[in-house]
Protein backbone atom coordinates (compact mmCIF):
# COMPACT_ATOMS: atom_id res chain seq x y z
CA MET A 1 52.08 -33.66 6.17
CA LEU A 2 48.44 -33.67 5.06
CA ALA A 3 49.09 -36.40 2.51
CA GLY A 4 50.85 -38.48 5.14
CA MET A 5 47.80 -38.10 7.38
CA GLY A 6 45.62 -39.64 4.67
CA VAL A 7 43.87 -36.48 3.46
CA LEU A 8 41.99 -37.37 0.26
CA TRP A 9 40.14 -34.15 -0.65
CA PHE A 10 42.02 -30.86 -0.64
CA GLN A 11 40.21 -27.58 -1.36
CA ILE A 12 42.45 -24.57 -1.98
CA THR A 13 40.84 -21.19 -1.42
CA GLY A 14 41.77 -17.68 -0.32
CA GLY A 15 41.37 -14.73 -0.93
CA GLU A 16 42.45 -15.47 -4.45
CA PRO A 17 44.80 -18.48 -4.43
CA LEU A 18 46.20 -18.00 -7.94
CA ILE A 19 48.01 -14.78 -6.95
CA ASP A 20 50.26 -16.73 -4.58
CA PRO A 21 53.73 -17.22 -6.12
CA ASP A 22 53.91 -20.58 -4.34
CA PHE A 23 50.57 -21.80 -5.70
CA ALA A 24 51.93 -23.85 -8.62
CA PRO A 25 54.53 -25.89 -6.70
CA ALA A 26 52.13 -26.42 -3.78
CA TYR A 27 49.37 -27.53 -6.14
CA GLN A 28 51.71 -29.87 -8.01
CA ARG A 29 52.92 -31.41 -4.77
CA ALA A 30 49.35 -32.03 -3.59
CA TYR A 31 48.46 -33.50 -6.99
CA ASP A 32 51.50 -35.78 -6.97
CA ALA A 33 50.48 -36.93 -3.48
CA GLY A 34 47.23 -38.25 -4.96
CA MET A 35 44.79 -35.82 -3.35
CA MET A 36 41.54 -34.83 -5.07
CA LEU A 37 41.93 -31.09 -5.62
CA GLU A 38 39.34 -28.31 -5.80
CA ILE A 39 40.28 -24.67 -6.44
CA LEU A 40 38.04 -21.75 -5.40
CA THR A 41 38.93 -18.73 -7.54
CA ASN A 42 37.51 -15.55 -9.04
CA GLY A 43 38.91 -16.71 -12.39
CA SER A 44 40.86 -13.51 -13.00
CA ARG A 45 44.13 -15.39 -13.59
CA LEU A 46 42.71 -18.57 -15.04
CA ALA A 47 43.59 -17.57 -18.61
CA ARG A 48 47.29 -17.24 -17.88
CA PRO A 49 49.28 -19.80 -19.90
CA GLU A 50 51.13 -21.11 -16.86
CA HIS A 51 47.87 -21.86 -15.03
CA LEU A 52 46.23 -23.45 -18.07
CA ALA A 53 49.31 -25.60 -18.58
CA LEU A 54 49.36 -26.62 -14.92
CA PHE A 55 45.67 -27.57 -14.77
CA THR A 56 45.79 -29.34 -18.11
CA ALA A 57 48.79 -31.47 -17.14
CA ALA A 58 47.63 -32.04 -13.55
CA ARG A 59 43.86 -31.97 -13.90
CA PRO A 60 41.96 -30.90 -10.75
CA HIS A 61 38.73 -32.47 -9.58
CA LYS A 62 36.98 -29.10 -9.91
CA ILE A 63 37.63 -25.39 -10.36
CA THR A 64 34.89 -23.26 -8.82
CA VAL A 65 34.71 -19.74 -10.25
CA SER A 66 32.69 -16.94 -8.66
CA MET A 67 30.69 -14.62 -10.96
CA TYR A 68 29.62 -11.15 -9.81
CA GLY A 69 27.92 -9.74 -12.89
CA ALA A 70 27.24 -10.12 -16.59
CA SER A 71 28.85 -6.83 -17.59
CA PRO A 72 32.01 -4.86 -16.80
CA GLU A 73 29.96 -2.05 -15.28
CA THR A 74 28.30 -4.31 -12.73
CA ALA A 75 31.08 -6.77 -11.89
CA ASP A 76 33.81 -4.14 -11.71
CA ALA A 77 31.71 -1.94 -9.43
CA LEU A 78 30.75 -4.81 -7.13
CA THR A 79 34.30 -6.12 -6.79
CA GLN A 80 35.76 -2.59 -6.79
CA THR A 81 38.32 -3.81 -9.32
CA ARG A 82 38.67 -2.32 -12.79
CA GLY A 83 38.84 -5.04 -15.43
CA ALA A 84 37.50 -7.75 -13.10
CA PHE A 85 34.75 -8.88 -15.47
CA LYS A 86 37.03 -8.91 -18.50
CA ARG A 87 39.64 -11.06 -16.77
CA THR A 88 37.11 -13.48 -15.26
CA TYR A 89 35.28 -13.96 -18.56
CA ALA A 90 38.60 -14.48 -20.37
CA GLY A 91 39.48 -17.11 -17.78
CA LEU A 92 36.18 -18.92 -18.28
CA LEU A 93 36.60 -18.86 -22.06
CA ALA A 94 40.13 -20.22 -21.81
CA ALA A 95 39.03 -22.96 -19.41
CA ALA A 96 36.19 -23.96 -21.73
CA GLU A 97 38.54 -24.17 -24.71
CA VAL A 98 40.84 -26.67 -22.98
CA GLY A 99 38.00 -28.56 -21.28
CA LEU A 100 38.81 -27.85 -17.63
CA PRO A 101 36.24 -29.04 -15.04
CA VAL A 102 34.81 -25.65 -14.10
CA GLU A 103 31.69 -24.94 -12.06
CA VAL A 104 30.43 -21.35 -11.78
CA THR A 105 28.89 -19.92 -8.62
CA ILE A 106 26.71 -16.89 -9.34
CA ILE A 107 26.84 -14.53 -6.37
CA ILE A 108 23.49 -12.70 -6.16
CA THR A 109 23.38 -9.28 -4.53
CA LYS A 110 21.10 -6.27 -4.79
CA HIS A 111 23.76 -4.71 -7.03
CA ASN A 112 23.65 -7.39 -9.73
CA VAL A 113 20.24 -9.06 -9.37
CA ASP A 114 19.00 -7.25 -12.49
CA GLU A 115 21.64 -9.19 -14.45
CA LEU A 116 20.80 -12.59 -12.98
CA GLU A 117 19.23 -13.95 -16.16
CA ALA A 118 22.13 -12.60 -18.19
CA MET A 119 24.62 -14.30 -15.86
CA ARG A 120 22.74 -17.58 -16.14
CA SER A 121 22.72 -17.31 -19.93
CA LEU A 122 26.42 -16.47 -20.06
CA VAL A 123 27.36 -19.54 -18.02
CA ASP A 124 25.02 -21.79 -20.02
CA GLN A 125 26.59 -20.60 -23.28
CA LEU A 126 30.01 -21.60 -21.96
CA GLY A 127 28.64 -25.05 -21.14
CA PHE A 128 29.53 -25.01 -17.44
CA PRO A 129 27.31 -26.18 -14.58
CA ARG A 130 26.25 -23.37 -12.24
CA ASN A 131 25.08 -22.73 -8.71
CA GLU A 132 23.55 -19.61 -7.21
CA TYR A 133 24.33 -18.13 -3.82
CA GLY A 134 22.41 -15.27 -2.27
CA SER A 135 23.15 -15.43 1.46
CA ILE A 136 25.91 -12.93 2.15
CA SER A 137 27.56 -13.57 5.50
CA PRO A 138 29.48 -11.15 7.74
CA THR A 139 33.24 -11.02 7.35
CA TYR A 140 35.53 -13.17 9.48
CA THR A 141 36.39 -10.05 11.48
CA GLY A 142 32.74 -9.63 12.46
CA ASP A 143 31.99 -6.72 10.13
CA GLY A 144 28.32 -6.88 9.16
CA SER A 145 28.42 -4.21 6.44
CA THR A 146 28.44 -6.93 3.77
CA LEU A 147 24.87 -7.88 4.77
CA GLN A 148 23.63 -4.68 3.17
CA ALA A 149 24.38 -6.23 -0.23
CA GLN A 150 21.82 -9.03 0.17
CA ALA A 151 19.04 -9.08 -2.40
CA PRO A 152 15.59 -9.50 -0.83
CA GLY A 153 14.02 -12.77 -1.91
CA TYR A 154 17.31 -14.50 -2.74
CA LEU A 155 18.46 -15.69 0.67
CA ASP A 156 19.35 -19.36 0.33
CA LYS A 157 16.78 -21.85 1.61
CA SER A 158 19.10 -24.60 2.70
CA ALA A 159 18.04 -27.91 4.21
CA VAL A 160 17.45 -28.43 7.90
CA PHE A 161 20.81 -28.54 9.68
CA GLY A 162 21.29 -32.09 10.89
CA GLY A 163 24.85 -31.86 12.13
CA CYS A 164 28.23 -31.47 10.47
CA PRO A 165 31.35 -33.66 10.33
CA ALA A 166 33.66 -30.63 10.40
CA GLY A 167 36.41 -31.26 12.91
CA HIS A 168 35.79 -35.01 12.73
CA THR A 169 36.22 -36.01 9.07
CA SER A 170 37.38 -32.67 7.66
CA PHE A 171 39.18 -29.58 8.86
CA HIS A 172 40.53 -26.21 7.74
CA VAL A 173 44.17 -25.13 7.70
CA ASP A 174 45.26 -21.51 7.28
CA PRO A 175 48.50 -20.41 5.56
CA HIS A 176 50.36 -20.62 8.88
CA GLY A 177 49.47 -24.25 9.51
CA MET A 178 46.79 -23.52 12.11
CA ALA A 179 44.02 -26.14 11.96
CA THR A 180 40.40 -25.43 12.92
CA MET A 181 37.13 -27.29 12.45
CA CYS A 182 36.22 -25.25 9.33
CA LYS A 183 36.58 -21.86 7.70
CA VAL A 184 33.90 -20.37 9.98
CA GLY A 185 34.49 -22.08 13.33
CA ARG A 186 38.02 -20.95 14.18
CA ASP A 187 38.11 -21.26 17.96
CA ASN A 188 41.17 -22.81 19.64
CA PRO A 189 43.33 -23.37 16.53
CA ILE A 190 45.85 -26.22 16.59
CA SER A 191 49.34 -25.69 15.17
CA LEU A 192 50.24 -28.50 12.78
CA ILE A 193 53.73 -27.03 12.60
CA THR A 194 54.49 -27.40 16.31
CA GLU A 195 52.13 -30.23 17.31
CA GLY A 196 52.00 -32.26 14.15
CA PRO A 197 49.12 -34.62 13.26
CA GLU A 198 48.79 -35.68 16.90
CA GLY A 199 47.35 -32.26 17.69
CA LEU A 200 44.31 -33.04 15.57
CA MET A 201 43.21 -35.57 18.16
CA ARG A 202 41.90 -32.58 20.15
CA LEU A 203 39.93 -31.15 17.23
CA PRO A 204 36.71 -33.24 17.52
CA ALA A 205 36.11 -32.02 21.08
CA ILE A 206 36.83 -28.43 20.05
CA ALA A 207 34.37 -28.77 17.17
CA ASP A 208 31.68 -30.29 19.38
CA ALA A 209 31.99 -27.38 21.81
CA GLN A 210 31.50 -24.86 18.99
CA MET A 211 28.38 -26.65 17.77
CA LEU A 212 26.51 -26.13 21.05
CA ARG A 213 23.62 -23.69 20.74
CA THR A 214 24.61 -21.08 23.28
CA GLY A 215 24.18 -17.32 23.51
CA GLY A 216 21.24 -16.09 21.47
CA CYS A 217 20.34 -19.66 20.45
CA THR A 218 19.98 -21.04 24.00
CA GLY A 219 16.55 -22.59 24.52
CA CYS A 220 15.45 -22.06 20.92
CA THR A 221 12.15 -23.88 20.29
CA LEU A 222 12.91 -24.17 16.57
CA SER A 223 16.29 -25.88 16.96
CA SER A 224 15.01 -29.14 15.47
CA THR A 225 14.26 -27.39 12.16
CA CYS A 226 17.08 -24.83 12.14
CA ARG A 227 19.03 -24.46 8.88
CA VAL A 228 22.09 -22.67 10.27
CA CYS A 229 25.08 -24.23 12.00
CA ARG A 230 26.07 -22.75 15.35
CA PRO A 231 29.44 -21.23 14.30
CA MET A 232 27.75 -19.38 11.43
CA ALA A 233 24.87 -18.24 13.66
CA ARG A 234 27.41 -16.82 16.09
CA VAL A 235 29.09 -14.87 13.29
CA TYR A 236 25.73 -13.30 12.43
CA GLN A 237 24.99 -12.57 16.09
CA GLU A 238 28.34 -10.93 16.72
CA ALA A 239 27.78 -8.75 13.65
CA LYS A 240 24.38 -7.75 15.10
CA ALA A 241 22.68 -8.97 11.92
CA PRO A 242 18.87 -8.82 11.67
CA LEU A 243 17.27 -12.14 12.61
CA ASP A 244 15.67 -12.59 9.20
CA HIS A 245 19.16 -12.87 7.66
CA TYR A 246 19.84 -16.20 9.34
CA CYS A 247 17.12 -17.24 11.78
CA GLN A 248 13.65 -18.71 11.39
CA HIS A 249 12.43 -16.61 14.31
CA GLY A 250 12.94 -13.63 12.06
CA GLU A 251 10.88 -15.26 9.32
CA ARG A 252 8.01 -15.91 11.72
CA THR A 253 8.11 -12.33 12.97
CA SER A 254 7.86 -10.94 9.46
CA SER A 255 5.15 -13.34 8.29
């Protein structure tokens, strides 16, 4: 359905998408439909022969792998998964050997910040480009406990928010075929299964409504220089996050 609608760029994420038994046939179908594919993964299953064979034969546009530490002690503790570092590193090595287009995102938290230079060095040795991400957001359920992992001094300093085409030129679809403006703004989902592509005609108005600065952002005098989109700001507000985690008012207060 997405291919028939003219979707050109298709990002597959999760959770961890490579654990899905239907991943390979779904990926192959999207590839055969001519879409530009990006996979977001923790890399833990990237070294499996079936995945290497799939990505080698049907090369994706990009595979983005998250890194949570430069040692088993740190990465395994942070992900609460024994063997996480070993499997991710093995996946990166295997991808490098066959020349897959991998980009590594280093996730910076207070639990691994002491290994930041080691993580950078590890990625550089593998020859992959890297990004760094330090702003930890609340969960989709509104749980703000994840904010406690943020490393002081490493919150991302993104550009001034000048609007977003989400809901107009891009959209998010969950495993049940429910379409929303993006992964964060999930109000008023549209069922592609029951409504089909015609249902997306309502999505731009739904997206515009979610972009209004309401609630705690109403009347903000710094809105012209704000760096945070409204759906994300609302997630922080509902999680009762400190202002300095997402808002310039908080920065002014602390300066």
